[in-house]
Amino acid sequence: MFKKEEDAQKAVDGLNNRWYNGQPIYAELSPVTDFREACCRQHETSECTRGGYCNFLHVKAASRECRHSLGVDTYGKGRHVAGGGSRRRDRSPRHRRRN
């Protein structure tokens, strides 16, 4: 997320001058401010018949392994807490801090 719209536009312009896997990248800014409202409710219940012609987002959830490798934990639907991979995970008694 960008604080200034100008910075977001610079990022889009930079991406539009790049290629991935031999294909040009086409990026654009989205006017959506609340992505929960932009999601297709019919897709969430597997009832959307419009497919690629639907004007709403068809969101695919990331796998547990993907979220873990990114250090993102999911609590409930749509709420993400970042930074989960930065703490030490060793639970042995000799490594615990004593207060």
C-alpha atoms as a PDB file:
ATOM      1  CA  MET A   1       0.000   0.000   0.000  1.00  0.00           C
ATOM      2  CA  PHE A   2       1.286   3.465  -0.845  1.00  0.00           C
ATOM      3  CA  LYS A   3       0.769   6.636   1.165  1.00  0.00           C
ATOM      4  CA  LYS A   4       0.801   8.847  -1.925  1.00  0.00           C
ATOM      5  CA  GLU A   5      -1.029   8.141  -5.148  1.00  0.00           C
ATOM      6  CA  GLU A   6       1.940   9.535  -7.082  1.00  0.00           C
ATOM      7  CA  ASP A   7       4.178   6.806  -5.637  1.00  0.00           C
ATOM      8  CA  ALA A   8       1.651   4.151  -6.642  1.00  0.00           C
ATOM      9  CA  GLN A   9       1.552   5.551 -10.177  1.00  0.00           C
ATOM     10  CA  LYS A  10       5.375   5.444 -10.367  1.00  0.00           C
ATOM     11  CA  ALA A  11       5.257   1.753  -9.382  1.00  0.00           C
ATOM     12  CA  VAL A  12       2.644   1.025 -12.065  1.00  0.00           C
ATOM     13  CA  ASP A  13       4.677   2.889 -14.684  1.00  0.00           C
ATOM     14  CA  GLY A  14       7.764   0.929 -13.681  1.00  0.00           C
ATOM     15  CA  LEU A  15       5.916  -2.387 -13.957  1.00  0.00           C
ATOM     16  CA  ASN A  16       4.494  -1.508 -17.362  1.00  0.00           C
ATOM     17  CA  ASN A  17       8.059  -1.253 -18.670  1.00  0.00           C
ATOM     18  CA  ARG A  18       8.908  -4.800 -17.568  1.00  0.00           C
ATOM     19  CA  TRP A  19       8.484  -8.299 -18.896  1.00  0.00           C
ATOM     20  CA  TYR A  20       7.812 -11.595 -17.124  1.00  0.00           C
ATOM     21  CA  ASN A  21       8.316 -15.018 -18.687  1.00  0.00           C
ATOM     22  CA  GLY A  22       8.702 -13.442 -22.130  1.00  0.00           C
ATOM     23  CA  GLN A  23       5.447 -11.489 -21.848  1.00  0.00           C
ATOM     24  CA  PRO A  24       4.857  -7.790 -21.103  1.00  0.00           C
ATOM     25  CA  ILE A  25       3.345  -6.838 -17.749  1.00  0.00           C
ATOM     26  CA  TYR A  26       0.170  -4.730 -17.941  1.00  0.00           C
ATOM     27  CA  ALA A  27      -0.464  -3.033 -14.594  1.00  0.00           C
ATOM     28  CA  GLU A  28      -3.098  -0.474 -13.633  1.00  0.00           C
ATOM     29  CA  LEU A  29      -4.362   1.182 -10.472  1.00  0.00           C
ATOM     30  CA  SER A  30      -7.617  -0.014  -9.014  1.00  0.00           C
ATOM     31  CA  PRO A  31     -10.244   2.474  -7.830  1.00  0.00           C
ATOM     32  CA  VAL A  32     -11.426  -0.044  -5.222  1.00  0.00           C
ATOM     33  CA  THR A  33     -10.900   1.058  -1.619  1.00  0.00           C
ATOM     34  CA  ASP A  34     -12.508  -1.921   0.137  1.00  0.00           C
ATOM     35  CA  PHE A  35     -11.621  -5.217  -1.523  1.00  0.00           C
ATOM     36  CA  ARG A  36     -14.152  -7.141   0.580  1.00  0.00           C
ATOM     37  CA  GLU A  37     -16.892  -5.314  -1.327  1.00  0.00           C
ATOM     38  CA  ALA A  38     -15.183  -5.994  -4.680  1.00  0.00           C
ATOM     39  CA  CYS A  39     -15.244  -9.792  -4.280  1.00  0.00           C
ATOM     40  CA  CYS A  40     -17.812 -11.815  -6.196  1.00  0.00           C
ATOM     41  CA  ARG A  41     -20.188 -13.313  -3.644  1.00  0.00           C
ATOM     42  CA  GLN A  42     -21.427 -15.866  -6.173  1.00  0.00           C
ATOM     43  CA  HIS A  43     -17.859 -17.073  -6.751  1.00  0.00           C
ATOM     44  CA  GLU A  44     -17.438 -17.574  -2.981  1.00  0.00           C
ATOM     45  CA  THR A  45     -20.367 -19.997  -3.074  1.00  0.00           C
ATOM     46  CA  SER A  46     -19.277 -21.567  -6.415  1.00  0.00           C
ATOM     47  CA  GLU A  47     -22.341 -20.177  -8.222  1.00  0.00           C
ATOM     48  CA  CYS A  48     -20.826 -17.527 -10.540  1.00  0.00           C
ATOM     49  CA  THR A  49     -21.479 -18.410 -14.166  1.00  0.00           C
ATOM     50  CA  ARG A  50     -19.850 -15.294 -15.664  1.00  0.00           C
ATOM     51  CA  GLY A  51     -16.242 -16.506 -15.271  1.00  0.00           C
ATOM     52  CA  GLY A  52     -13.789 -14.122 -16.940  1.00  0.00           C
ATOM     53  CA  TYR A  53     -16.627 -11.773 -17.871  1.00  0.00           C
ATOM     54  CA  CYS A  54     -17.531 -11.095 -14.219  1.00  0.00           C
ATOM     55  CA  ASN A  55     -16.822  -7.528 -13.071  1.00  0.00           C
ATOM     56  CA  PHE A  56     -15.984  -8.653  -9.529  1.00  0.00           C
ATOM     57  CA  LEU A  57     -12.868 -10.278  -8.083  1.00  0.00           C
ATOM     58  CA  HIS A  58     -12.635 -14.055  -8.028  1.00  0.00           C
ATOM     59  CA  VAL A  59     -10.212 -14.536  -5.147  1.00  0.00           C
ATOM     60  CA  LYS A  60      -8.345 -17.778  -4.596  1.00  0.00           C
ATOM     61  CA  ALA A  61      -7.064 -18.304  -1.073  1.00  0.00           C
ATOM     62  CA  ALA A  62      -3.342 -18.895  -0.640  1.00  0.00           C
ATOM     63  CA  SER A  63      -2.321 -22.320   0.609  1.00  0.00           C
ATOM     64  CA  ARG A  64      -1.154 -22.826   4.183  1.00  0.00           C
ATOM     65  CA  GLU A  65       2.381 -23.473   2.917  1.00  0.00           C
ATOM     66  CA  CYS A  66       2.394 -20.243   0.919  1.00  0.00           C
ATOM     67  CA  ARG A  67       1.122 -18.182   3.866  1.00  0.00           C
ATOM     68  CA  HIS A  68       3.713 -19.800   6.127  1.00  0.00           C
ATOM     69  CA  SER A  69       6.595 -19.082   3.731  1.00  0.00           C
ATOM     70  CA  LEU A  70       5.470 -15.436   3.501  1.00  0.00           C
ATOM     71  CA  GLY A  71       5.167 -15.152   7.280  1.00  0.00           C
ATOM     72  CA  VAL A  72       1.441 -14.380   7.135  1.00  0.00           C
ATOM     73  CA  ASP A  73      -1.088 -15.883   9.541  1.00  0.00           C
ATOM     74  CA  THR A  74      -4.789 -15.763   8.735  1.00  0.00           C
ATOM     75  CA  TYR A  75      -7.295 -15.187  11.513  1.00  0.00           C
ATOM     76  CA  GLY A  76     -10.822 -15.356  10.190  1.00  0.00           C
ATOM     77  CA  LYS A  77     -11.838 -14.393   6.684  1.00  0.00           C
ATOM     78  CA  GLY A  78      -9.906 -11.561   5.077  1.00  0.00           C
ATOM     79  CA  ARG A  79      -7.877 -10.434   8.101  1.00  0.00           C
ATOM     80  CA  HIS A  80      -4.145 -10.986   7.828  1.00  0.00           C
ATOM     81  CA  VAL A  81      -1.460 -10.391  10.419  1.00  0.00           C
ATOM     82  CA  ALA A  82       2.013 -10.063   8.913  1.00  0.00           C
ATOM     83  CA  GLY A  83       5.338 -10.843  10.517  1.00  0.00           C
ATOM     84  CA  GLY A  84       4.590 -14.307  11.831  1.00  0.00           C
ATOM     85  CA  GLY A  85       7.815 -15.762  10.437  1.00  0.00           C
ATOM     86  CA  SER A  86      10.245 -13.426  12.184  1.00  0.00           C
ATOM     87  CA  ARG A  87      10.104 -14.830  15.743  1.00  0.00           C
ATOM     88  CA  ARG A  88      12.121 -17.712  17.058  1.00  0.00           C
ATOM     89  CA  ARG A  89      10.035 -20.899  17.203  1.00  0.00           C
ATOM     90  CA  ASP A  90      12.200 -23.021  19.541  1.00  0.00           C
ATOM     91  CA  ARG A  91      10.023 -24.001  22.513  1.00  0.00           C
ATOM     92  CA  SER A  92      12.621 -25.943  24.486  1.00  0.00           C
ATOM     93  CA  PRO A  93      12.901 -24.914  28.189  1.00  0.00           C
ATOM     94  CA  ARG A  94      16.562 -23.951  27.982  1.00  0.00           C
ATOM     95  CA  HIS A  95      15.850 -21.271  25.335  1.00  0.00           C
ATOM     96  CA  ARG A  96      12.920 -19.635  27.113  1.00  0.00           C
ATOM     97  CA  ARG A  97      13.355 -16.205  28.630  1.00  0.00           C
ATOM     98  CA  ARG A  98      12.946 -15.964  32.355  1.00  0.00           C
ATOM     99  CA  ASN A  99      11.184 -12.976  33.845  1.00  0.00           C
END
